[in-house]
Amino acid sequence: QVQLVESGGGLVQAGGSLRLSCAASGRTFSSRAMGWFRQAPGKEREFVAAITSGLRTKYADSVKGRFTISRDNAKNTAYLQMNSLKPEGTAVYYCSSTSQIGDSYSTHPFWYDYWGQGTQVTVSS
């Protein structure tokens, strides 16, 4: 079983930055893909970014060039650096992981087996 705990959310003005962290339990963290998703009120959960065990990355078009996903396997932690934040980025941000071992990822939430509790990000205009 993998447990994920997000932190780093908060209130920021448009154009500002935040860094989210996702601390994971378990000894096989480095072998699993990590994903970040977000869900705004009344909307479906949407893909933000993913990073594979081989450090390949994938971003949603809406965040490409502004967000950076990374991981520190020694700390069992994944990060999402968010720059140039926009009001439409207001949402609960979730990190996720998979039970699959290997260098693969998905942009679909159903592919991921483990989820954190979420952290609120609010971007004021």
Protein backbone atom coordinates (compact mmCIF):
# COMPACT_ATOMS: atom_id res chain seq x y z
CA GLN A 1 0.00 0.00 0.00
CA VAL A 2 1.24 3.47 -0.92
CA GLN A 3 0.23 6.57 1.01
CA LEU A 4 0.58 10.02 -0.49
CA VAL A 5 0.52 13.32 1.37
CA GLU A 6 0.43 16.64 -0.48
CA SER A 7 1.51 19.98 0.89
CA GLY A 8 2.33 23.45 -0.36
CA GLY A 9 -1.03 24.75 -1.47
CA GLY A 10 -2.33 28.18 -0.57
CA LEU A 11 -3.52 31.55 -1.80
CA VAL A 12 -1.45 33.37 -4.38
CA GLN A 13 -2.00 36.31 -6.70
CA ALA A 14 -2.13 35.81 -10.44
CA GLY A 15 1.38 35.66 -11.83
CA GLY A 16 2.76 34.21 -8.62
CA SER A 17 4.33 30.84 -7.87
CA LEU A 18 3.79 27.88 -5.60
CA ARG A 19 5.58 24.57 -5.17
CA LEU A 20 3.54 21.54 -4.25
CA SER A 21 5.12 18.50 -2.63
CA CYS A 22 3.90 14.93 -2.49
CA ALA A 23 5.51 12.66 0.10
CA ALA A 24 5.07 8.97 -0.58
CA SER A 25 5.42 5.92 1.62
CA GLY A 26 6.83 2.65 0.38
CA ARG A 27 10.17 1.33 -0.82
CA THR A 28 9.45 1.24 -4.55
CA PHE A 29 8.74 4.94 -5.06
CA SER A 30 11.49 5.30 -7.64
CA SER A 31 9.97 2.56 -9.81
CA ARG A 32 6.53 4.15 -10.15
CA ALA A 33 5.15 7.00 -12.19
CA MET A 34 3.79 10.00 -10.30
CA GLY A 35 1.02 12.23 -11.53
CA TRP A 36 -0.54 15.53 -10.59
CA PHE A 37 -4.21 16.25 -11.25
CA ARG A 38 -6.52 19.07 -10.28
CA GLN A 39 -10.24 19.46 -9.76
CA ALA A 40 -12.11 22.73 -9.72
CA PRO A 41 -15.62 23.01 -8.22
CA GLY A 42 -18.21 21.51 -10.53
CA LYS A 43 -15.60 20.16 -12.93
CA GLU A 44 -14.03 16.79 -13.58
CA ARG A 45 -10.57 15.91 -12.34
CA GLU A 46 -8.07 16.87 -15.02
CA PHE A 47 -4.51 15.87 -15.76
CA VAL A 48 -1.77 18.39 -15.00
CA ALA A 49 1.58 16.58 -15.24
CA ALA A 50 3.27 13.21 -14.87
CA ILE A 51 6.80 11.93 -14.41
CA THR A 52 7.92 8.37 -15.01
CA SER A 53 10.48 6.27 -13.18
CA GLY A 54 12.85 7.09 -16.04
CA LEU A 55 12.22 10.83 -15.54
CA ARG A 56 10.17 11.30 -18.70
CA THR A 57 7.66 14.09 -18.21
CA LYS A 58 4.30 14.98 -19.71
CA TYR A 59 2.28 18.16 -19.26
CA ALA A 60 -1.21 19.32 -20.04
CA ASP A 61 -1.17 21.96 -22.75
CA SER A 62 -2.69 24.46 -20.35
CA VAL A 63 0.35 24.36 -18.03
CA LYS A 64 3.18 23.62 -20.45
CA GLY A 65 6.01 26.11 -20.04
CA ARG A 66 4.75 27.29 -16.65
CA PHE A 67 4.70 24.14 -14.49
CA THR A 68 7.54 21.72 -13.82
CA ILE A 69 7.18 18.26 -12.34
CA SER A 70 10.15 16.61 -10.66
CA ARG A 71 10.97 13.90 -8.16
CA ASP A 72 13.58 13.21 -5.50
CA ASN A 73 13.75 9.45 -5.11
CA ALA A 74 16.05 9.72 -2.08
CA LYS A 75 13.25 11.60 -0.29
CA ASN A 76 10.33 9.65 -1.78
CA THR A 77 8.89 12.98 -2.83
CA ALA A 78 7.45 14.42 -6.02
CA TYR A 79 7.11 18.13 -6.69
CA LEU A 80 5.08 20.43 -8.87
CA GLN A 81 6.60 23.87 -9.36
CA MET A 82 3.90 26.23 -10.59
CA ASN A 83 4.88 29.58 -12.05
CA SER A 84 2.86 32.34 -13.71
CA LEU A 85 -0.27 31.07 -12.03
CA LYS A 86 -3.63 32.05 -13.47
CA PRO A 87 -7.04 32.37 -11.74
CA GLU A 88 -8.31 29.40 -13.78
CA GLY A 89 -5.72 27.32 -11.96
CA THR A 90 -7.77 27.54 -8.78
CA ALA A 91 -8.53 23.96 -7.79
CA VAL A 92 -7.73 21.16 -5.40
CA TYR A 93 -4.49 19.57 -6.57
CA TYR A 94 -3.97 15.85 -6.09
CA CYS A 95 -0.88 13.73 -6.48
CA SER A 96 -1.21 10.16 -7.59
CA SER A 97 0.81 7.02 -8.09
CA THR A 98 0.36 3.66 -9.71
CA SER A 99 0.77 0.06 -8.62
CA GLN A 100 2.56 -0.63 -11.91
CA ILE A 101 6.32 -0.87 -11.83
CA GLY A 102 8.06 0.48 -14.91
CA ASP A 103 8.70 3.47 -17.11
CA SER A 104 5.14 4.26 -18.16
CA TYR A 105 2.56 6.91 -17.38
CA SER A 106 -0.93 7.98 -18.27
CA THR A 107 -2.92 11.19 -18.47
CA HIS A 108 -6.08 9.37 -17.33
CA PRO A 109 -6.93 9.35 -13.63
CA PHE A 110 -8.30 5.80 -13.69
CA TRP A 111 -4.78 4.50 -14.48
CA TYR A 112 -3.55 5.63 -11.06
CA ASP A 113 -4.23 3.52 -7.98
CA TYR A 114 -3.16 5.75 -5.12
CA TRP A 115 -4.22 9.31 -4.35
CA GLY A 116 -3.39 11.93 -1.80
CA GLN A 117 -5.98 13.94 0.09
CA GLY A 118 -5.46 17.01 -2.08
CA THR A 119 -4.22 20.51 -1.39
CA GLN A 120 -6.14 23.68 -2.23
CA VAL A 121 -4.59 26.20 -4.59
CA THR A 122 -6.40 29.51 -4.96
CA VAL A 123 -5.21 32.09 -7.48
CA SER A 124 -6.67 35.56 -7.06
CA SER A 125 -7.00 37.98 -9.96
